[in-house]
Amino acid sequence: MLVFWIPKTENTLPANASHRVRVGAIVLNEKKEVLVVQEKSGHFQGTGIWKIPTGVVEQGEDIFTAVVREVKEETGIDTEFLEVLAFRQSHESFFVKSDLFFICMLRPLSFDLQKQELEIDAVQWMPFDEFAAQPFAQKHELFRYITELCLAKVDRSYAGFSPQPITSAFFEGFNYLYFNNQDLNQKMK
């Protein structure tokens, strides 16, 4: 409405975003322990539920950069991005926007835990079986799928999506196309 009140000027207000992009990190160490957090606020505040680190992708940030950043901010752990295992789309989420949530697999590069005081109540390496056995994880469908994806990845029977830098006549610089590189390479042989 403000744009209509200002006569004879070009509308310079940015369009309203329709989606929010979030990431979740499955970080497994060699002992098959998963990196988990308890949050200080939000839906999981005070519930005792251990969950994977999650966060929001910032404007102009790539998914693989965002998930590495979020893990470092929340837990102090340096990681290497491996792949996107899956993603979920939901609607009428945060501020009635649609939500894209990318579940990513990362490899830990450090192990010294340092929780973020502002958002995180606790952080730890938890045996994967203990994480999967949480009553909430058994009842909540997203948690069950995260558990199954992780197990399939550990068994090497599941390949997710890795970023491949591409150039485009429509966009400057690199863009990333995420796809199952493993299966594509097998078909091309």
N, C-alpha and C. Protein backbone atom coordinates (compact mmCIF):
# COMPACT_ATOMS: atom_id res chain seq x y z
N MET A 1 0.82 -1.19 0.00
CA MET A 1 0.00 0.00 0.00
C MET A 1 0.87 1.25 0.00
N LEU A 2 2.00 1.22 0.68
CA LEU A 2 2.85 2.41 0.74
C LEU A 2 3.31 2.84 -0.65
N VAL A 3 3.54 1.90 -1.53
CA VAL A 3 3.99 2.21 -2.88
C VAL A 3 2.94 3.06 -3.60
N PHE A 4 1.69 2.75 -3.38
CA PHE A 4 0.63 3.50 -4.05
C PHE A 4 0.47 4.92 -3.49
N TRP A 5 0.94 5.14 -2.27
CA TRP A 5 0.84 6.46 -1.66
C TRP A 5 1.89 7.43 -2.20
N ILE A 6 2.97 6.92 -2.75
CA ILE A 6 4.05 7.77 -3.24
C ILE A 6 3.85 7.97 -4.75
N PRO A 7 3.47 9.15 -5.19
CA PRO A 7 3.16 9.36 -6.61
C PRO A 7 4.42 9.49 -7.46
N LYS A 8 4.32 9.03 -8.71
CA LYS A 8 5.32 9.23 -9.75
C LYS A 8 6.72 8.73 -9.38
N THR A 9 6.82 7.64 -8.65
CA THR A 9 8.12 7.02 -8.38
C THR A 9 8.02 5.54 -8.68
N GLU A 10 9.16 4.96 -9.00
CA GLU A 10 9.21 3.53 -9.27
C GLU A 10 9.15 2.76 -7.97
N ASN A 11 8.45 1.63 -7.97
CA ASN A 11 8.36 0.78 -6.80
C ASN A 11 9.72 0.10 -6.58
N THR A 12 10.38 0.39 -5.49
CA THR A 12 11.68 -0.21 -5.20
C THR A 12 11.63 -1.20 -4.04
N LEU A 13 10.44 -1.49 -3.55
CA LEU A 13 10.31 -2.46 -2.47
C LEU A 13 10.51 -3.87 -3.01
N PRO A 14 11.30 -4.70 -2.32
CA PRO A 14 11.48 -6.07 -2.81
C PRO A 14 10.20 -6.88 -2.68
N ALA A 15 10.06 -7.85 -3.56
CA ALA A 15 8.89 -8.74 -3.50
C ALA A 15 8.91 -9.52 -2.20
N ASN A 16 7.74 -9.89 -1.72
CA ASN A 16 7.63 -10.67 -0.50
C ASN A 16 8.07 -12.11 -0.79
N ALA A 17 8.96 -12.64 0.04
CA ALA A 17 9.44 -14.01 -0.15
C ALA A 17 8.30 -15.00 0.06
N SER A 18 8.30 -16.05 -0.73
CA SER A 18 7.25 -17.06 -0.60
C SER A 18 7.74 -18.30 0.15
N HIS A 19 9.07 -18.49 0.24
CA HIS A 19 9.64 -19.67 0.88
C HIS A 19 10.74 -19.29 1.86
N ARG A 20 10.92 -20.16 2.81
CA ARG A 20 12.08 -20.10 3.70
C ARG A 20 12.83 -21.40 3.47
N VAL A 21 14.16 -21.33 3.41
CA VAL A 21 14.99 -22.52 3.18
C VAL A 21 15.76 -22.81 4.46
N ARG A 22 15.63 -24.05 4.92
CA ARG A 22 16.31 -24.49 6.14
C ARG A 22 17.14 -25.73 5.86
N VAL A 23 18.10 -25.98 6.75
CA VAL A 23 18.96 -27.16 6.62
C VAL A 23 19.03 -27.89 7.95
N GLY A 24 19.23 -29.19 7.87
CA GLY A 24 19.47 -30.04 9.03
C GLY A 24 20.69 -30.88 8.76
N ALA A 25 21.52 -31.11 9.79
CA ALA A 25 22.80 -31.79 9.60
C ALA A 25 22.86 -33.11 10.35
N ILE A 26 23.07 -34.18 9.59
CA ILE A 26 23.40 -35.47 10.20
C ILE A 26 24.91 -35.56 10.15
N VAL A 27 25.52 -35.53 11.33
CA VAL A 27 26.98 -35.60 11.45
C VAL A 27 27.29 -36.85 12.25
N LEU A 28 27.91 -37.84 11.60
CA LEU A 28 28.26 -39.11 12.26
C LEU A 28 29.77 -39.21 12.38
N ASN A 29 30.23 -39.64 13.57
CA ASN A 29 31.67 -39.89 13.73
C ASN A 29 31.96 -41.37 13.48
N GLU A 30 33.23 -41.75 13.63
CA GLU A 30 33.63 -43.13 13.33
C GLU A 30 33.06 -44.15 14.31
N LYS A 31 32.62 -43.69 15.48
CA LYS A 31 32.04 -44.58 16.48
C LYS A 31 30.53 -44.76 16.29
N LYS A 32 30.01 -44.24 15.17
CA LYS A 32 28.57 -44.25 14.87
C LYS A 32 27.78 -43.49 15.93
N GLU A 33 28.36 -42.37 16.35
CA GLU A 33 27.67 -41.44 17.22
C GLU A 33 27.23 -40.26 16.36
N VAL A 34 26.05 -39.75 16.65
CA VAL A 34 25.51 -38.63 15.89
C VAL A 34 25.60 -37.37 16.75
N LEU A 35 25.91 -36.25 16.11
CA LEU A 35 25.98 -34.97 16.78
C LEU A 35 24.57 -34.45 16.99
N VAL A 36 24.19 -34.19 18.25
CA VAL A 36 22.83 -33.77 18.57
C VAL A 36 22.84 -32.56 19.50
N VAL A 37 21.72 -31.85 19.48
CA VAL A 37 21.56 -30.66 20.32
C VAL A 37 20.19 -30.68 20.99
N GLN A 38 20.10 -29.92 22.08
CA GLN A 38 18.82 -29.58 22.69
C GLN A 38 18.69 -28.07 22.59
N GLU A 39 17.53 -27.59 22.12
CA GLU A 39 17.35 -26.16 21.86
C GLU A 39 16.80 -25.42 23.07
N LYS A 40 17.17 -24.13 23.18
CA LYS A 40 16.70 -23.27 24.25
C LYS A 40 15.35 -22.64 23.94
N SER A 41 14.94 -22.62 22.67
CA SER A 41 13.68 -21.99 22.31
C SER A 41 13.01 -22.80 21.20
N GLY A 42 11.81 -22.42 20.84
CA GLY A 42 11.09 -23.09 19.76
C GLY A 42 10.30 -24.28 20.25
N HIS A 43 9.89 -25.12 19.30
CA HIS A 43 9.03 -26.27 19.58
C HIS A 43 9.66 -27.26 20.56
N PHE A 44 10.97 -27.39 20.52
CA PHE A 44 11.64 -28.43 21.31
C PHE A 44 12.17 -27.93 22.65
N GLN A 45 11.95 -26.66 22.95
CA GLN A 45 12.43 -26.07 24.21
C GLN A 45 11.87 -26.82 25.41
N GLY A 46 12.76 -27.25 26.29
CA GLY A 46 12.35 -27.89 27.53
C GLY A 46 11.75 -29.27 27.40
N THR A 47 11.82 -29.89 26.22
CA THR A 47 11.22 -31.22 26.02
C THR A 47 12.18 -32.37 26.32
N GLY A 48 13.48 -32.08 26.38
CA GLY A 48 14.46 -33.14 26.57
C GLY A 48 14.78 -33.89 25.29
N ILE A 49 14.23 -33.45 24.17
CA ILE A 49 14.45 -34.13 22.89
C ILE A 49 15.81 -33.73 22.33
N TRP A 50 16.57 -34.71 21.94
CA TRP A 50 17.84 -34.49 21.24
C TRP A 50 17.56 -34.55 19.75
N LYS A 51 18.02 -33.55 19.01
CA LYS A 51 17.76 -33.46 17.57
C LYS A 51 19.03 -33.08 16.85
N ILE A 52 19.00 -33.21 15.53
CA ILE A 52 20.15 -32.80 14.73
C ILE A 52 20.21 -31.27 14.67
N PRO A 53 21.41 -30.71 14.50
CA PRO A 53 21.51 -29.25 14.33
C PRO A 53 20.77 -28.80 13.07
N THR A 54 20.06 -27.69 13.20
CA THR A 54 19.29 -27.15 12.08
C THR A 54 19.46 -25.63 12.04
N GLY A 55 19.07 -25.05 10.92
CA GLY A 55 19.12 -23.60 10.81
C GLY A 55 18.59 -23.11 9.47
N VAL A 56 18.63 -21.81 9.30
CA VAL A 56 18.09 -21.15 8.12
C VAL A 56 19.22 -20.74 7.18
N VAL A 57 19.01 -20.96 5.89
CA VAL A 57 19.96 -20.53 4.86
C VAL A 57 19.83 -19.02 4.71
N GLU A 58 20.96 -18.33 4.74
CA GLU A 58 20.94 -16.87 4.60
C GLU A 58 20.86 -16.49 3.13
N GLN A 59 20.42 -15.28 2.86
CA GLN A 59 20.30 -14.79 1.49
C GLN A 59 21.65 -14.89 0.78
N GLY A 60 21.65 -15.48 -0.41
CA GLY A 60 22.87 -15.62 -1.21
C GLY A 60 23.79 -16.74 -0.76
N GLU A 61 23.36 -17.54 0.19
CA GLU A 61 24.19 -18.62 0.73
C GLU A 61 23.79 -19.95 0.10
N ASP A 62 24.76 -20.78 -0.25
CA ASP A 62 24.49 -22.11 -0.78
C ASP A 62 24.10 -23.06 0.34
N ILE A 63 23.34 -24.08 0.02
CA ILE A 63 22.87 -25.05 1.00
C ILE A 63 24.05 -25.70 1.72
N PHE A 64 25.05 -26.13 0.97
CA PHE A 64 26.18 -26.83 1.59
C PHE A 64 27.00 -25.91 2.48
N THR A 65 27.06 -24.64 2.17
CA THR A 65 27.75 -23.67 3.02
C THR A 65 26.96 -23.41 4.28
N ALA A 66 25.64 -23.28 4.13
CA ALA A 66 24.76 -22.98 5.27
C ALA A 66 24.79 -24.10 6.31
N VAL A 67 24.74 -25.34 5.88
CA VAL A 67 24.68 -26.44 6.85
C VAL A 67 26.00 -26.57 7.60
N VAL A 68 27.13 -26.35 6.92
CA VAL A 68 28.43 -26.37 7.60
C VAL A 68 28.50 -25.22 8.61
N ARG A 69 28.03 -24.04 8.22
CA ARG A 69 28.03 -22.88 9.11
C ARG A 69 27.16 -23.13 10.34
N GLU A 70 25.95 -23.64 10.12
CA GLU A 70 25.03 -23.88 11.24
C GLU A 70 25.61 -24.86 12.25
N VAL A 71 26.23 -25.93 11.78
CA VAL A 71 26.83 -26.91 12.69
C VAL A 71 27.94 -26.24 13.50
N LYS A 72 28.78 -25.47 12.85
CA LYS A 72 29.87 -24.77 13.54
C LYS A 72 29.31 -23.80 14.58
N GLU A 73 28.30 -23.01 14.20
CA GLU A 73 27.72 -22.02 15.13
C GLU A 73 27.09 -22.69 16.35
N GLU A 74 26.34 -23.77 16.15
CA GLU A 74 25.60 -24.39 17.24
C GLU A 74 26.45 -25.30 18.12
N THR A 75 27.46 -25.95 17.52
CA THR A 75 28.19 -27.01 18.25
C THR A 75 29.69 -26.79 18.36
N GLY A 76 30.25 -25.89 17.56
CA GLY A 76 31.70 -25.69 17.54
C GLY A 76 32.44 -26.70 16.69
N ILE A 77 31.73 -27.62 16.06
CA ILE A 77 32.34 -28.70 15.27
C ILE A 77 32.55 -28.24 13.83
N ASP A 78 33.78 -28.43 13.33
CA ASP A 78 34.08 -28.21 11.91
C ASP A 78 33.66 -29.46 11.15
N THR A 79 33.04 -29.27 9.98
CA THR A 79 32.56 -30.41 9.21
C THR A 79 32.86 -30.24 7.73
N GLU A 80 32.72 -31.35 7.02
CA GLU A 80 32.82 -31.36 5.57
C GLU A 80 31.46 -31.83 5.03
N PHE A 81 30.89 -31.06 4.11
CA PHE A 81 29.62 -31.42 3.49
C PHE A 81 29.83 -32.64 2.61
N LEU A 82 28.93 -33.63 2.71
CA LEU A 82 28.99 -34.81 1.85
C LEU A 82 27.88 -34.77 0.80
N GLU A 83 26.61 -34.65 1.26
CA GLU A 83 25.51 -34.63 0.30
C GLU A 83 24.19 -34.29 0.97
N VAL A 84 23.22 -33.93 0.15
CA VAL A 84 21.84 -33.77 0.58
C VAL A 84 21.21 -35.16 0.51
N LEU A 85 20.68 -35.64 1.62
CA LEU A 85 20.06 -36.96 1.64
C LEU A 85 18.61 -36.90 1.18
N ALA A 86 17.92 -35.82 1.54
CA ALA A 86 16.51 -35.67 1.20
C ALA A 86 16.09 -34.23 1.49
N PHE A 87 14.91 -33.87 1.04
CA PHE A 87 14.36 -32.58 1.46
C PHE A 87 12.86 -32.70 1.62
N ARG A 88 12.33 -31.82 2.48
CA ARG A 88 10.90 -31.79 2.77
C ARG A 88 10.36 -30.42 2.39
N GLN A 89 9.18 -30.41 1.81
CA GLN A 89 8.48 -29.17 1.53
C GLN A 89 7.22 -29.14 2.38
N SER A 90 6.99 -28.03 3.06
CA SER A 90 5.75 -27.86 3.82
C SER A 90 5.22 -26.45 3.56
N HIS A 91 3.97 -26.24 3.89
CA HIS A 91 3.34 -24.95 3.61
C HIS A 91 2.76 -24.36 4.89
N GLU A 92 2.53 -23.07 4.84
CA GLU A 92 1.97 -22.31 5.95
C GLU A 92 2.75 -22.56 7.23
N SER A 93 4.04 -22.44 7.11
CA SER A 93 4.96 -22.62 8.23
C SER A 93 5.25 -21.26 8.85
N PHE A 94 6.48 -20.95 9.06
CA PHE A 94 6.97 -19.72 9.67
C PHE A 94 6.42 -18.50 8.93
N PHE A 95 5.69 -17.63 9.62
CA PHE A 95 5.05 -16.45 9.03
C PHE A 95 4.19 -16.80 7.81
N VAL A 96 3.55 -17.96 7.85
CA VAL A 96 2.64 -18.45 6.81
C VAL A 96 3.35 -18.61 5.47
N LYS A 97 4.62 -18.89 5.48
CA LYS A 97 5.41 -19.12 4.26
C LYS A 97 5.55 -20.63 4.03
N SER A 98 5.90 -20.98 2.82
CA SER A 98 6.26 -22.37 2.53
C SER A 98 7.68 -22.58 3.03
N ASP A 99 8.02 -23.82 3.32
CA ASP A 99 9.30 -24.16 3.94
C ASP A 99 9.95 -25.30 3.16
N LEU A 100 11.20 -25.12 2.79
CA LEU A 100 12.01 -26.19 2.19
C LEU A 100 13.08 -26.55 3.20
N PHE A 101 13.12 -27.82 3.62
CA PHE A 101 14.05 -28.28 4.64
C PHE A 101 14.94 -29.37 4.04
N PHE A 102 16.24 -29.09 3.92
CA PHE A 102 17.20 -30.00 3.32
C PHE A 102 17.95 -30.76 4.42
N ILE A 103 17.87 -32.08 4.37
CA ILE A 103 18.57 -32.93 5.33
C ILE A 103 19.90 -33.34 4.69
N CYS A 104 20.99 -32.95 5.34
CA CYS A 104 22.32 -33.12 4.76
C CYS A 104 23.18 -34.04 5.61
N MET A 105 24.09 -34.74 4.95
CA MET A 105 25.06 -35.59 5.62
C MET A 105 26.40 -34.87 5.61
N LEU A 106 27.04 -34.82 6.79
CA LEU A 106 28.34 -34.17 6.92
C LEU A 106 29.30 -35.09 7.65
N ARG A 107 30.58 -34.87 7.40
CA ARG A 107 31.65 -35.62 8.08
C ARG A 107 32.31 -34.66 9.08
N PRO A 108 32.49 -35.10 10.33
CA PRO A 108 33.16 -34.23 11.30
C PRO A 108 34.65 -34.11 11.00
N LEU A 109 35.18 -32.91 11.16
CA LEU A 109 36.62 -32.67 11.01
C LEU A 109 37.26 -32.31 12.35
N SER A 110 36.43 -31.97 13.33
CA SER A 110 36.91 -31.70 14.69
C SER A 110 35.91 -32.33 15.65
N PHE A 111 36.27 -32.39 16.94
CA PHE A 111 35.42 -33.12 17.87
C PHE A 111 35.20 -32.41 19.20
N ASP A 112 35.80 -31.24 19.38
CA ASP A 112 35.68 -30.48 20.62
C ASP A 112 34.37 -29.70 20.63
N LEU A 113 33.42 -30.10 21.46
CA LEU A 113 32.10 -29.50 21.50
C LEU A 113 32.14 -28.14 22.20
N GLN A 114 31.51 -27.15 21.58
CA GLN A 114 31.37 -25.80 22.15
C GLN A 114 29.98 -25.30 21.79
N LYS A 115 29.06 -25.42 22.72
CA LYS A 115 27.67 -25.05 22.42
C LYS A 115 27.51 -23.54 22.28
N GLN A 116 26.57 -23.18 21.42
CA GLN A 116 26.21 -21.77 21.23
C GLN A 116 25.27 -21.39 22.39
N GLU A 117 25.66 -20.42 23.18
CA GLU A 117 24.89 -20.06 24.37
C GLU A 117 23.51 -19.48 24.06
N LEU A 118 23.38 -18.75 22.96
CA LEU A 118 22.12 -18.07 22.66
C LEU A 118 20.98 -19.03 22.33
N GLU A 119 21.25 -20.07 21.52
CA GLU A 119 20.19 -20.94 21.01
C GLU A 119 20.19 -22.36 21.57
N ILE A 120 21.35 -22.83 22.02
CA ILE A 120 21.51 -24.24 22.34
C ILE A 120 21.64 -24.46 23.84
N ASP A 121 20.84 -25.39 24.35
CA ASP A 121 20.85 -25.74 25.77
C ASP A 121 21.93 -26.79 26.07
N ALA A 122 22.11 -27.74 25.14
CA ALA A 122 23.10 -28.80 25.34
C ALA A 122 23.50 -29.37 23.99
N VAL A 123 24.72 -29.91 23.92
CA VAL A 123 25.23 -30.54 22.71
C VAL A 123 26.04 -31.76 23.12
N GLN A 124 25.95 -32.83 22.34
CA GLN A 124 26.73 -34.03 22.65
C GLN A 124 26.83 -34.95 21.43
N TRP A 125 27.78 -35.88 21.52
CA TRP A 125 27.85 -37.00 20.59
C TRP A 125 27.04 -38.11 21.23
N MET A 126 26.01 -38.59 20.53
CA MET A 126 25.12 -39.61 21.09
C MET A 126 25.19 -40.87 20.23
N PRO A 127 25.27 -42.05 20.86
CA PRO A 127 25.22 -43.28 20.06
C PRO A 127 23.96 -43.24 19.18
N PHE A 128 24.14 -43.61 17.92
CA PHE A 128 23.03 -43.50 16.97
C PHE A 128 21.81 -44.29 17.42
N ASP A 129 22.02 -45.48 17.98
CA ASP A 129 20.90 -46.29 18.44
C ASP A 129 20.10 -45.58 19.53
N GLU A 130 20.80 -44.86 20.41
CA GLU A 130 20.13 -44.10 21.47
C GLU A 130 19.32 -42.95 20.88
N PHE A 131 19.89 -42.26 19.89
CA PHE A 131 19.18 -41.18 19.20
C PHE A 131 17.90 -41.71 18.57
N ALA A 132 18.02 -42.82 17.86
CA ALA A 132 16.88 -43.40 17.15
C ALA A 132 15.83 -43.95 18.10
N ALA A 133 16.22 -44.33 19.32
CA ALA A 133 15.30 -44.94 20.28
C ALA A 133 14.49 -43.91 21.08
N GLN A 134 14.77 -42.63 20.94
CA GLN A 134 13.99 -41.63 21.66
C GLN A 134 12.50 -41.82 21.32
N PRO A 135 11.62 -41.78 22.32
CA PRO A 135 10.19 -41.95 22.04
C PRO A 135 9.67 -40.98 20.98
N PHE A 136 10.11 -39.73 21.02
CA PHE A 136 9.66 -38.76 20.03
C PHE A 136 10.12 -39.16 18.63
N ALA A 137 11.34 -39.68 18.52
CA ALA A 137 11.87 -40.11 17.22
C ALA A 137 11.08 -41.30 16.67
N GLN A 138 10.54 -42.12 17.56
CA GLN A 138 9.73 -43.26 17.13
C GLN A 138 8.36 -42.82 16.63
N LYS A 139 7.81 -41.75 17.21
CA LYS A 139 6.46 -41.31 16.88
C LYS A 139 6.41 -40.29 15.74
N HIS A 140 7.42 -39.48 15.61
CA HIS A 140 7.42 -38.37 14.65
C HIS A 140 7.98 -38.86 13.31
N GLU A 141 7.18 -38.75 12.25
CA GLU A 141 7.55 -39.32 10.96
C GLU A 141 8.84 -38.75 10.39
N LEU A 142 9.06 -37.44 10.51
CA LEU A 142 10.30 -36.85 9.99
C LEU A 142 11.51 -37.44 10.69
N PHE A 143 11.46 -37.59 12.01
CA PHE A 143 12.57 -38.17 12.76
C PHE A 143 12.81 -39.62 12.32
N ARG A 144 11.73 -40.37 12.11
CA ARG A 144 11.89 -41.77 11.66
C ARG A 144 12.58 -41.83 10.31
N TYR A 145 12.20 -40.94 9.38
CA TYR A 145 12.85 -40.93 8.07
C TYR A 145 14.31 -40.53 8.18
N ILE A 146 14.61 -39.56 9.04
CA ILE A 146 16.01 -39.17 9.23
C ILE A 146 16.82 -40.37 9.71
N THR A 147 16.26 -41.13 10.64
CA THR A 147 16.92 -42.33 11.14
C THR A 147 17.14 -43.34 10.01
N GLU A 148 16.11 -43.59 9.22
CA GLU A 148 16.21 -44.57 8.13
C GLU A 148 17.21 -44.11 7.05
N LEU A 149 17.19 -42.83 6.72
CA LEU A 149 18.15 -42.31 5.74
C LEU A 149 19.58 -42.50 6.22
N CYS A 150 19.78 -42.21 7.49
CA CYS A 150 21.12 -42.33 8.06
C CYS A 150 21.59 -43.79 8.04
N LEU A 151 20.72 -44.70 8.43
CA LEU A 151 21.08 -46.12 8.41
C LEU A 151 21.38 -46.60 7.00
N ALA A 152 20.57 -46.19 6.05
CA ALA A 152 20.80 -46.58 4.65
C ALA A 152 22.12 -46.01 4.14
N LYS A 153 22.46 -44.80 4.54
CA LYS A 153 23.71 -44.19 4.12
C LYS A 153 24.90 -44.93 4.72
N VAL A 154 24.80 -45.28 6.00
CA VAL A 154 25.88 -46.01 6.67
C VAL A 154 26.08 -47.37 6.00
N ASP A 155 24.99 -48.01 5.59
CA ASP A 155 25.07 -49.31 4.91
C ASP A 155 25.52 -49.17 3.45
N ARG A 156 25.70 -47.96 2.98
CA ARG A 156 26.13 -47.64 1.62
C ARG A 156 25.11 -48.07 0.56
N SER A 157 23.85 -48.20 0.98
CA SER A 157 22.81 -48.58 0.02
C SER A 157 22.00 -47.37 -0.44
N TYR A 158 22.42 -46.19 -0.04
CA TYR A 158 21.67 -44.98 -0.40
C TYR A 158 22.66 -43.89 -0.80
N ALA A 159 22.39 -43.27 -1.94
CA ALA A 159 23.22 -42.15 -2.39
C ALA A 159 22.33 -40.92 -2.50
N GLY A 160 22.77 -39.85 -1.88
CA GLY A 160 22.00 -38.61 -1.91
C GLY A 160 22.43 -37.73 -3.07
N PHE A 161 22.28 -36.45 -2.89
CA PHE A 161 22.53 -35.47 -3.94
C PHE A 161 23.72 -34.59 -3.58
N SER A 162 24.68 -34.51 -4.50
CA SER A 162 25.87 -33.69 -4.30
C SER A 162 25.81 -32.49 -5.23
N PRO A 163 26.39 -31.36 -4.78
CA PRO A 163 26.35 -30.17 -5.63
C PRO A 163 27.38 -30.24 -6.75
N GLN A 164 26.95 -29.96 -7.94
CA GLN A 164 27.84 -29.88 -9.10
C GLN A 164 27.81 -28.44 -9.60
N PRO A 165 28.95 -27.73 -9.56
CA PRO A 165 28.94 -26.35 -10.06
C PRO A 165 28.65 -26.33 -11.56
N ILE A 166 27.77 -25.44 -11.96
CA ILE A 166 27.42 -25.29 -13.37
C ILE A 166 27.42 -23.80 -13.72
N THR A 167 27.59 -23.52 -14.97
CA THR A 167 27.46 -22.15 -15.44
C THR A 167 26.16 -22.06 -16.23
N SER A 168 25.65 -20.87 -16.33
CA SER A 168 24.38 -20.67 -17.01
C SER A 168 24.40 -19.33 -17.73
N ALA A 169 23.74 -19.29 -18.87
CA ALA A 169 23.62 -18.03 -19.61
C ALA A 169 22.67 -17.08 -18.89
N PHE A 170 21.88 -17.60 -17.95
CA PHE A 170 20.88 -16.79 -17.26
C PHE A 170 21.38 -16.17 -15.97
N PHE A 171 22.41 -16.77 -15.35
CA PHE A 171 22.91 -16.28 -14.06
C PHE A 171 24.42 -16.11 -14.13
N GLU A 172 24.91 -15.08 -13.48
CA GLU A 172 26.36 -14.87 -13.44
C GLU A 172 26.98 -15.78 -12.40
N GLY A 173 28.23 -16.15 -12.64
CA GLY A 173 28.96 -16.98 -11.67
C GLY A 173 28.48 -18.41 -11.68
N PHE A 174 28.89 -19.14 -10.64
CA PHE A 174 28.51 -20.54 -10.52
C PHE A 174 27.15 -20.69 -9.87
N ASN A 175 26.42 -21.67 -10.31
CA ASN A 175 25.21 -22.15 -9.68
C ASN A 175 25.50 -23.61 -9.34
N TYR A 176 24.63 -24.22 -8.57
CA TYR A 176 24.85 -25.61 -8.21
C TYR A 176 23.61 -26.43 -8.55
N LEU A 177 23.82 -27.53 -9.24
CA LEU A 177 22.79 -28.51 -9.52
C LEU A 177 23.07 -29.68 -8.59
N TYR A 178 22.09 -30.06 -7.79
CA TYR A 178 22.25 -31.17 -6.85
C TYR A 178 21.65 -32.42 -7.48
N PHE A 179 22.44 -33.49 -7.56
CA PHE A 179 21.93 -34.73 -8.11
C PHE A 179 22.71 -35.91 -7.57
N ASN A 180 22.19 -37.12 -7.85
CA ASN A 180 22.82 -38.36 -7.42
C ASN A 180 23.95 -38.67 -8.39
N ASN A 181 25.12 -38.17 -8.08
CA ASN A 181 26.29 -38.31 -8.93
C ASN A 181 26.73 -39.78 -9.06
N GLN A 182 26.58 -40.55 -7.97
CA GLN A 182 27.00 -41.94 -7.97
C GLN A 182 26.26 -42.74 -9.02
N ASP A 183 24.93 -42.66 -9.03
CA ASP A 183 24.14 -43.42 -9.99
C ASP A 183 24.31 -42.90 -11.41
N LEU A 184 24.46 -41.59 -11.56
CA LEU A 184 24.67 -41.01 -12.89
C LEU A 184 25.99 -41.50 -13.49
N ASN A 185 27.04 -41.53 -12.68
CA ASN A 185 28.34 -42.00 -13.17
C ASN A 185 28.29 -43.47 -13.58
N GLN A 186 27.52 -44.30 -12.86
CA GLN A 186 27.38 -45.71 -13.22
C GLN A 186 26.66 -45.86 -14.56
N LYS A 187 25.67 -45.03 -14.82
CA LYS A 187 24.93 -45.10 -16.10
C LYS A 187 25.79 -44.64 -17.27
N MET A 188 26.72 -43.72 -17.01
CA MET A 188 27.54 -43.17 -18.07
C MET A 188 28.71 -44.08 -18.45
N LYS A 189 28.98 -45.13 -17.63
CA LYS A 189 30.12 -46.02 -17.91
C LYS A 189 29.79 -46.98 -19.02
